[in-house]
């Protein structure tokens, strides 16, 4: 099913059912890349993954990123969720709707709602059309709170007890990073072809955008240009 979030729709399925995960891979067009799993509570995470104090703190931080954890051999998560990886991307609910959803069932694969390579869906009409055109998708859970901008889930891991961000997005964007050129003019930096981002800087601060994606199609290029305009307006730069 599709579930409306803060920065776009998720595709969700039972993380313990291999057949559901197979259907999700067909739906998303992702053959082998691991999926992240949303757990109801820290106790539920502990039933499937090894965690230390730093990882537990990161999982429960206000930013609520996906955290890469060492998977327990006894985990009941379907093997086709993670493939050959010894790690599992785990995260906790960060919206009331997700908390209600997880309260009634076990862990869920929650991945961005789009075909691989295309922008995440955020409009209700787009989501309903996407579901109607694909037999693997059996429902859409949505509401009347509009999504203003696409923001994917952040991905992090703990290295030597320090947080390493692998994807800086929801919870971290558009928080600034310090920049040495405090007196330099306002700058717009344009990201690369793959895993593209943009960055604005002014007043001694850098403001990286969320990851936009690979610039291989017109849809992603349109989101790229929208992101530039949106961040300029949001930050008054």
Protein backbone atom coordinates (compact mmCIF):
# COMPACT_ATOMS: atom_id res chain seq x y z
CA UNK A 1 0.00 0.00 0.00
CA UNK A 2 0.96 3.65 -0.35
CA UNK A 3 1.12 5.76 2.82
CA UNK A 4 1.21 9.56 2.81
CA UNK A 5 4.08 11.04 4.80
CA UNK A 6 5.65 14.43 5.47
CA UNK A 7 7.84 14.75 2.38
CA UNK A 8 6.13 12.32 0.03
CA UNK A 9 4.40 8.96 -0.12
CA UNK A 10 5.91 5.68 1.10
CA UNK A 11 5.37 2.25 -0.38
CA UNK A 12 4.77 -0.07 2.56
CA UNK A 13 4.58 -3.83 3.01
CA UNK A 14 5.01 -6.50 5.70
CA UNK A 15 8.78 -6.80 6.20
CA UNK A 16 8.49 -10.46 7.26
CA UNK A 17 6.72 -11.64 4.08
CA UNK A 18 9.05 -12.45 1.18
CA UNK A 19 6.15 -12.51 -1.31
CA UNK A 20 5.11 -8.99 -0.33
CA UNK A 21 8.70 -7.75 -0.66
CA UNK A 22 8.99 -9.41 -4.09
CA UNK A 23 5.83 -7.59 -5.19
CA UNK A 24 7.27 -4.32 -3.86
CA UNK A 25 10.48 -4.82 -5.86
CA UNK A 26 8.44 -5.28 -9.05
CA UNK A 27 6.32 -2.24 -8.19
CA UNK A 28 9.32 -0.01 -7.53
CA UNK A 29 11.60 -1.45 -10.22
CA UNK A 30 14.37 -2.14 -7.72
CA UNK A 31 15.97 -5.55 -8.19
CA UNK A 32 18.37 -5.89 -5.27
CA UNK A 33 19.11 -2.67 -3.38
CA UNK A 34 18.20 -3.13 0.33
CA UNK A 35 15.06 -1.61 1.79
CA UNK A 36 14.70 0.17 5.13
CA UNK A 37 12.35 -1.19 7.80
CA UNK A 38 10.24 0.86 10.19
CA UNK A 39 9.79 -0.66 13.67
CA UNK A 40 7.18 0.26 16.25
CA UNK A 41 9.55 0.69 19.22
CA UNK A 42 13.18 0.31 20.29
CA UNK A 43 12.28 -3.10 21.75
CA UNK A 44 11.12 -4.16 18.29
CA UNK A 45 14.42 -2.95 16.79
CA UNK A 46 16.34 -4.92 19.42
CA UNK A 47 14.56 -8.11 18.37
CA UNK A 48 16.17 -7.87 14.94
CA UNK A 49 19.35 -5.78 15.25
CA UNK A 50 22.34 -5.16 17.49
CA UNK A 51 22.52 -1.62 18.88
CA UNK A 52 24.85 0.33 21.15
CA UNK A 53 24.02 3.45 23.14
CA UNK A 54 25.03 5.82 20.33
CA UNK A 55 22.87 4.00 17.77
CA UNK A 56 19.91 3.90 20.14
CA UNK A 57 20.24 7.64 20.74
CA UNK A 58 20.38 8.31 17.00
CA UNK A 59 17.32 6.15 16.29
CA UNK A 60 15.33 8.09 18.89
CA UNK A 61 16.67 11.55 18.03
CA UNK A 62 14.14 14.16 16.80
CA UNK A 63 15.52 13.80 13.24
CA UNK A 64 14.50 10.10 13.20
CA UNK A 65 16.89 8.99 10.41
CA UNK A 66 17.20 5.52 8.98
CA UNK A 67 20.15 4.00 10.86
CA UNK A 68 22.25 1.18 9.43
CA UNK A 69 22.58 -1.55 12.08
CA UNK A 70 24.14 -5.01 12.30
CA UNK A 71 21.40 -7.54 11.75
CA UNK A 72 20.83 -10.44 14.16
CA UNK A 73 21.00 -13.92 12.64
CA UNK A 74 17.72 -14.70 14.39
CA UNK A 75 15.86 -11.81 12.75
CA UNK A 76 12.53 -12.71 11.15
CA UNK A 77 12.85 -9.96 8.54
CA UNK A 78 12.53 -11.51 5.07
CA UNK A 79 15.95 -12.09 3.46
CA UNK A 80 14.94 -10.29 0.24
CA UNK A 81 14.61 -7.06 2.25
CA UNK A 82 18.39 -6.80 2.76
CA UNK A 83 19.88 -9.27 0.25
CA UNK A 84 23.57 -9.93 0.82
CA UNK A 85 24.06 -7.04 3.26
CA UNK A 86 24.89 -7.87 6.90
CA UNK A 87 23.24 -4.56 7.83
CA UNK A 88 19.62 -3.53 8.12
CA UNK A 89 18.36 0.03 7.74
CA UNK A 90 16.03 0.60 10.70
CA UNK A 91 13.98 3.59 11.78
CA UNK A 92 11.15 4.52 14.11
CA UNK A 93 7.81 6.25 13.39
CA UNK A 94 8.06 10.03 13.12
CA UNK A 95 4.44 10.95 12.36
CA UNK A 96 1.26 10.20 14.35
CA UNK A 97 -0.16 8.28 11.36
CA UNK A 98 2.90 6.01 11.26
CA UNK A 99 2.65 5.41 15.02
CA UNK A 100 -1.00 4.37 14.64
CA UNK A 101 -0.14 2.12 11.69
CA UNK A 102 2.74 0.38 13.47
CA UNK A 103 0.68 -0.08 16.65
CA UNK A 104 -1.50 -2.61 14.83
CA UNK A 105 1.12 -4.68 13.01
CA UNK A 106 4.73 -5.82 12.86
CA UNK A 107 7.69 -4.15 11.13
CA UNK A 108 7.06 -2.59 7.72
CA UNK A 109 9.28 -1.96 4.75
CA UNK A 110 8.82 1.78 4.13
CA UNK A 111 10.45 3.03 0.95
CA UNK A 112 9.93 6.16 -1.14
CA UNK A 113 6.89 5.92 -3.39
CA UNK A 114 8.21 6.18 -6.91
CA UNK A 115 9.59 4.09 -9.71
CA UNK A 116 13.38 3.90 -9.40
CA UNK A 117 15.03 6.95 -10.94
CA UNK A 118 11.92 9.16 -10.78
CA UNK A 119 11.00 11.77 -8.15
CA UNK A 120 9.11 10.72 -5.03
CA UNK A 121 5.34 11.19 -5.36
CA UNK A 122 3.81 13.90 -3.17
CA UNK A 123 0.47 14.84 -4.78
CA UNK A 124 -2.63 12.81 -3.87
CA UNK A 125 -3.76 12.60 -7.49
CA UNK A 126 -0.36 11.28 -8.57
CA UNK A 127 -0.42 8.65 -5.83
CA UNK A 128 -3.92 7.46 -6.71
CA UNK A 129 -3.02 7.17 -10.41
CA UNK A 130 0.22 5.32 -9.56
CA UNK A 131 -1.72 2.79 -7.46
CA UNK A 132 -4.51 2.37 -9.99
CA UNK A 133 -2.05 1.53 -12.78
CA UNK A 134 -0.17 -1.16 -10.81
CA UNK A 135 -1.74 -4.40 -9.69
CA UNK A 136 0.84 -4.90 -6.90
CA UNK A 137 -0.48 -1.82 -5.07
CA UNK A 138 -3.73 -2.63 -3.29
CA UNK A 139 -4.48 0.63 -1.50
CA UNK A 140 -3.59 4.24 -0.66
CA UNK A 141 -3.68 5.69 2.86
CA UNK A 142 -3.86 9.46 2.62
CA UNK A 143 -5.33 12.56 4.25
CA UNK A 144 -5.97 16.24 3.56
CA UNK A 145 -2.71 17.69 4.94
CA UNK A 146 -0.77 18.93 1.88
CA UNK A 147 2.90 18.09 1.30
CA UNK A 148 4.78 21.29 0.50
CA UNK A 149 8.09 19.86 -0.71
CA UNK A 150 9.71 16.50 -1.44
CA UNK A 151 11.95 15.33 1.39
CA UNK A 152 13.22 11.76 1.54
CA UNK A 153 14.21 9.91 4.72
CA UNK A 154 17.74 10.63 5.95
CA UNK A 155 20.19 7.72 6.22
CA UNK A 156 22.95 7.54 8.83
CA UNK A 157 25.28 5.19 10.65
CA UNK A 158 27.42 5.45 13.77
CA UNK A 159 31.19 5.27 13.20
CA UNK A 160 33.46 5.51 16.25
CA UNK A 161 30.45 6.77 18.21
CA UNK A 162 29.96 9.67 15.79
CA UNK A 163 27.06 10.12 13.38
CA UNK A 164 27.94 9.76 9.71
CA UNK A 165 25.20 10.97 7.38
CA UNK A 166 24.94 8.94 4.18
CA UNK A 167 21.90 10.87 2.95
CA UNK A 168 21.21 14.28 4.47
CA UNK A 169 17.52 14.94 4.10
CA UNK A 170 14.43 14.93 6.37
CA UNK A 171 15.30 16.24 9.82
CA UNK A 172 18.57 17.82 8.68
CA UNK A 173 17.65 19.93 5.62
CA UNK A 174 17.72 22.95 5.39
CA UNK A 175 19.80 23.30 8.57
CA UNK A 176 23.03 25.15 7.67
CA UNK A 177 26.65 24.09 7.82
CA UNK A 178 29.39 26.60 8.80
CA UNK A 179 31.28 28.19 5.92
CA UNK A 180 34.57 30.09 6.12
CA UNK A 181 33.63 32.73 3.56
CA UNK A 182 31.50 34.86 5.86
CA UNK A 183 31.89 37.97 3.74
CA UNK A 184 31.55 36.32 0.33
CA UNK A 185 28.60 37.10 -1.95
CA UNK A 186 25.62 34.78 -2.02
CA UNK A 187 26.49 31.65 -4.00
CA UNK A 188 24.51 28.91 -5.71
CA UNK A 189 26.40 25.62 -6.13
CA UNK A 190 24.92 23.10 -8.55
CA UNK A 191 25.34 19.40 -7.85
CA UNK A 192 26.54 16.56 -10.05
CA UNK A 193 24.66 14.38 -12.52
CA UNK A 194 24.29 11.51 -10.02
CA UNK A 195 22.78 11.83 -6.53
CA UNK A 196 22.41 15.52 -7.28
CA UNK A 197 21.90 18.28 -4.72
CA UNK A 198 22.14 22.05 -4.82
CA UNK A 199 23.60 24.33 -2.15
CA UNK A 200 23.08 28.00 -1.33
CA UNK A 201 25.49 29.99 0.82
CA UNK A 202 25.25 33.40 2.45
CA UNK A 203 26.36 35.06 5.67
CA UNK A 204 28.91 32.42 6.56
CA UNK A 205 26.46 29.51 6.26
CA UNK A 206 25.96 26.79 3.64
CA UNK A 207 22.48 25.37 3.03
CA UNK A 208 22.58 22.03 1.17
CA UNK A 209 19.33 20.75 -0.31
CA UNK A 210 17.95 17.27 0.08
CA UNK A 211 19.20 14.73 -2.46
CA UNK A 212 17.26 15.29 -5.68
CA UNK A 213 18.40 12.16 -7.53
CA UNK A 214 20.10 11.31 -10.79
CA UNK A 215 19.41 13.87 -13.52
CA UNK A 216 18.47 11.30 -16.16
CA UNK A 217 14.94 12.43 -17.00
CA UNK A 218 12.77 15.51 -17.43
CA UNK A 219 10.79 14.83 -14.24
CA UNK A 220 13.90 14.95 -12.04
CA UNK A 221 15.24 17.99 -13.90
CA UNK A 222 11.94 19.78 -13.17
CA UNK A 223 12.27 18.95 -9.46
CA UNK A 224 15.89 20.19 -9.61
CA UNK A 225 14.80 23.61 -10.90
CA UNK A 226 11.89 23.74 -8.44
CA UNK A 227 14.33 23.02 -5.58
CA UNK A 228 16.54 25.96 -6.56
CA UNK A 229 13.56 28.34 -6.64
CA UNK A 230 12.05 26.95 -3.44
CA UNK A 231 15.26 27.20 -1.40
CA UNK A 232 15.97 30.71 -2.66
CA UNK A 233 12.50 31.79 -1.51
CA UNK A 234 12.62 29.84 1.76
CA UNK A 235 16.02 31.24 2.76
CA UNK A 236 15.61 34.68 1.17
CA UNK A 237 18.92 34.27 -0.68
